[in-house]
Amino acid sequence: MGKKFTKGISSLGDLIPDFMAKTGINRTRRQDDVAEKWLEIAADFRENTAYDGLRRGVLEILVSDALVIQELMFRKKEFLEKMREAYPKAKFQDIRFRVGRLREESES
């Protein structure tokens, strides 16, 4: 129906997935999804934690202070299981908590 553009691309729809992959938009969207899921799963700690990244299967979480890390460690297994259920293809291996500066909502 449509005229072939170049190199097997027949429509703008064929370009969009490639563009999103090259610009990292998909990765950013996935990161945002994981960050939101963390806040949902760890709702009791919403004010004291922030998603910091996912590196080599390790979910990295910033925490306001060492006392909160101690509390999180008691529930680490529970949180890890819930993340694995939510994202079975992600292959979460661990959650690492570390004290760090949490961004203020106005800085987001």
C-alpha atoms as a PDB file:
ATOM      1  CA  MET A   1       0.000   0.000   0.000  1.00  0.00           C
ATOM      2  CA  GLY A   2       2.609   2.546   1.078  1.00  0.00           C
ATOM      3  CA  LYS A   3       5.718   3.307  -0.865  1.00  0.00           C
ATOM      4  CA  LYS A   4       8.968   1.897   0.579  1.00  0.00           C
ATOM      5  CA  PHE A   5      11.183   4.648   1.905  1.00  0.00           C
ATOM      6  CA  THR A   6      14.689   3.283   2.406  1.00  0.00           C
ATOM      7  CA  LYS A   7      16.299   0.107   3.699  1.00  0.00           C
ATOM      8  CA  GLY A   8      13.028  -1.737   4.334  1.00  0.00           C
ATOM      9  CA  ILE A   9      11.271   1.061   6.199  1.00  0.00           C
ATOM     10  CA  SER A  10       7.722   1.309   4.984  1.00  0.00           C
ATOM     11  CA  SER A  11       6.243   3.782   7.441  1.00  0.00           C
ATOM     12  CA  LEU A  12       6.918   6.184  10.260  1.00  0.00           C
ATOM     13  CA  GLY A  13       5.714   3.464  12.633  1.00  0.00           C
ATOM     14  CA  ASP A  14       8.767   1.398  11.664  1.00  0.00           C
ATOM     15  CA  LEU A  15      11.063   4.240  12.719  1.00  0.00           C
ATOM     16  CA  ILE A  16       9.625   4.942  16.178  1.00  0.00           C
ATOM     17  CA  PRO A  17      10.841   1.803  18.046  1.00  0.00           C
ATOM     18  CA  ASP A  18      14.330   2.256  16.611  1.00  0.00           C
ATOM     19  CA  PHE A  19      14.356   5.943  17.546  1.00  0.00           C
ATOM     20  CA  MET A  20      13.196   5.180  21.107  1.00  0.00           C
ATOM     21  CA  ALA A  21      15.910   2.549  21.535  1.00  0.00           C
ATOM     22  CA  LYS A  22      18.646   4.843  20.219  1.00  0.00           C
ATOM     23  CA  THR A  23      17.629   7.787  22.393  1.00  0.00           C
ATOM     24  CA  GLY A  24      17.140   5.730  25.559  1.00  0.00           C
ATOM     25  CA  ILE A  25      13.486   6.679  25.928  1.00  0.00           C
ATOM     26  CA  ASN A  26      12.459   3.065  26.566  1.00  0.00           C
ATOM     27  CA  ARG A  27      15.114   2.690  29.250  1.00  0.00           C
ATOM     28  CA  THR A  28      14.002   5.921  30.920  1.00  0.00           C
ATOM     29  CA  ARG A  29      10.387   4.788  30.864  1.00  0.00           C
ATOM     30  CA  ARG A  30      11.353   1.427  32.414  1.00  0.00           C
ATOM     31  CA  GLN A  31      13.433   3.193  35.069  1.00  0.00           C
ATOM     32  CA  ASP A  32      10.458   5.413  35.919  1.00  0.00           C
ATOM     33  CA  ASP A  33       8.200   2.347  36.142  1.00  0.00           C
ATOM     34  CA  VAL A  34      10.609   0.580  38.500  1.00  0.00           C
ATOM     35  CA  ALA A  35      10.944   3.724  40.633  1.00  0.00           C
ATOM     36  CA  GLU A  36       7.156   4.010  40.916  1.00  0.00           C
ATOM     37  CA  LYS A  37       6.836   0.322  41.758  1.00  0.00           C
ATOM     38  CA  TRP A  38       9.451   0.689  44.518  1.00  0.00           C
ATOM     39  CA  LEU A  39       7.447   3.540  46.064  1.00  0.00           C
ATOM     40  CA  GLU A  40       4.305   1.407  45.871  1.00  0.00           C
ATOM     41  CA  ILE A  41       5.937  -1.667  47.419  1.00  0.00           C
ATOM     42  CA  ALA A  42       7.794   0.272  50.120  1.00  0.00           C
ATOM     43  CA  ALA A  43       5.028   2.789  50.788  1.00  0.00           C
ATOM     44  CA  ASP A  44       5.832   2.896  54.522  1.00  0.00           C
ATOM     45  CA  PHE A  45       9.273   4.242  53.619  1.00  0.00           C
ATOM     46  CA  ARG A  46       8.210   6.639  50.852  1.00  0.00           C
ATOM     47  CA  GLU A  47       9.539   9.746  52.636  1.00  0.00           C
ATOM     48  CA  ASN A  48      12.868   8.111  53.507  1.00  0.00           C
ATOM     49  CA  THR A  49      13.859   6.283  50.326  1.00  0.00           C
ATOM     50  CA  ALA A  50      14.398   6.945  46.641  1.00  0.00           C
ATOM     51  CA  TYR A  51      15.113   4.695  43.679  1.00  0.00           C
ATOM     52  CA  ASP A  52      18.715   5.204  42.530  1.00  0.00           C
ATOM     53  CA  GLY A  53      19.029   2.703  39.703  1.00  0.00           C
ATOM     54  CA  LEU A  54      19.111  -0.879  38.574  1.00  0.00           C
ATOM     55  CA  ARG A  55      22.579  -2.167  37.826  1.00  0.00           C
ATOM     56  CA  ARG A  56      23.367  -5.774  36.930  1.00  0.00           C
ATOM     57  CA  GLY A  57      20.221  -7.045  38.602  1.00  0.00           C
ATOM     58  CA  VAL A  58      20.770  -5.059  41.795  1.00  0.00           C
ATOM     59  CA  LEU A  59      18.080  -2.556  42.739  1.00  0.00           C
ATOM     60  CA  GLU A  60      19.830   0.426  44.335  1.00  0.00           C
ATOM     61  CA  ILE A  61      17.890   2.482  46.834  1.00  0.00           C
ATOM     62  CA  LEU A  62      18.977   5.717  48.504  1.00  0.00           C
ATOM     63  CA  VAL A  63      17.964   5.974  52.153  1.00  0.00           C
ATOM     64  CA  SER A  64      17.802   8.988  54.440  1.00  0.00           C
ATOM     65  CA  ASP A  65      19.735   7.436  57.343  1.00  0.00           C
ATOM     66  CA  ALA A  66      21.221   4.257  58.797  1.00  0.00           C
ATOM     67  CA  LEU A  67      18.275   3.624  61.118  1.00  0.00           C
ATOM     68  CA  VAL A  68      15.936   3.389  58.133  1.00  0.00           C
ATOM     69  CA  ILE A  69      18.368   1.016  56.404  1.00  0.00           C
ATOM     70  CA  GLN A  70      18.178  -1.242  59.431  1.00  0.00           C
ATOM     71  CA  GLU A  71      14.369  -1.272  59.211  1.00  0.00           C
ATOM     72  CA  LEU A  72      14.495  -1.942  55.447  1.00  0.00           C
ATOM     73  CA  MET A  73      16.867  -4.856  55.943  1.00  0.00           C
ATOM     74  CA  PHE A  74      14.237  -6.667  58.022  1.00  0.00           C
ATOM     75  CA  ARG A  75      11.876  -6.514  55.024  1.00  0.00           C
ATOM     76  CA  LYS A  76      14.438  -6.848  52.235  1.00  0.00           C
ATOM     77  CA  LYS A  77      13.371 -10.368  51.249  1.00  0.00           C
ATOM     78  CA  GLU A  78       9.718  -9.295  51.056  1.00  0.00           C
ATOM     79  CA  PHE A  79      10.580  -6.280  48.873  1.00  0.00           C
ATOM     80  CA  LEU A  80      12.766  -8.368  46.581  1.00  0.00           C
ATOM     81  CA  GLU A  81      10.023 -10.974  46.094  1.00  0.00           C
ATOM     82  CA  LYS A  82       7.477  -8.274  45.237  1.00  0.00           C
ATOM     83  CA  MET A  83       9.811  -6.661  42.701  1.00  0.00           C
ATOM     84  CA  ARG A  84      10.459 -10.065  41.116  1.00  0.00           C
ATOM     85  CA  GLU A  85       6.713 -10.688  40.868  1.00  0.00           C
ATOM     86  CA  ALA A  86       6.153  -7.273  39.291  1.00  0.00           C
ATOM     87  CA  TYR A  87       9.034  -7.635  36.792  1.00  0.00           C
ATOM     88  CA  PRO A  88       9.758 -11.331  36.183  1.00  0.00           C
ATOM     89  CA  LYS A  89      12.003 -10.622  33.177  1.00  0.00           C
ATOM     90  CA  ALA A  90      14.178  -8.147  35.106  1.00  0.00           C
ATOM     91  CA  LYS A  91      15.877 -10.912  37.140  1.00  0.00           C
ATOM     92  CA  PHE A  92      16.367  -8.893  40.310  1.00  0.00           C
ATOM     93  CA  GLN A  93      19.191 -10.474  42.275  1.00  0.00           C
ATOM     94  CA  ASP A  94      19.429  -8.152  45.246  1.00  0.00           C
ATOM     95  CA  ILE A  95      18.462  -4.820  46.756  1.00  0.00           C
ATOM     96  CA  ARG A  96      21.241  -2.569  47.988  1.00  0.00           C
ATOM     97  CA  PHE A  97      20.448   0.233  50.406  1.00  0.00           C
ATOM     98  CA  ARG A  98      22.818   3.129  51.012  1.00  0.00           C
ATOM     99  CA  VAL A  99      22.607   6.410  52.835  1.00  0.00           C
ATOM    100  CA  GLY A 100      22.401   9.327  50.453  1.00  0.00           C
ATOM    101  CA  ARG A 101      20.776  12.674  49.849  1.00  0.00           C
ATOM    102  CA  LEU A 102      17.191  12.312  48.715  1.00  0.00           C
ATOM    103  CA  ARG A 103      15.951  14.807  46.145  1.00  0.00           C
ATOM    104  CA  GLU A 104      13.255  17.196  47.281  1.00  0.00           C
ATOM    105  CA  GLU A 105       9.995  17.003  45.321  1.00  0.00           C
ATOM    106  CA  SER A 106      10.636  20.530  44.014  1.00  0.00           C
ATOM    107  CA  GLU A 107      13.968  19.384  42.521  1.00  0.00           C
ATOM    108  CA  SER A 108      12.390  16.552  40.453  1.00  0.00           C
END
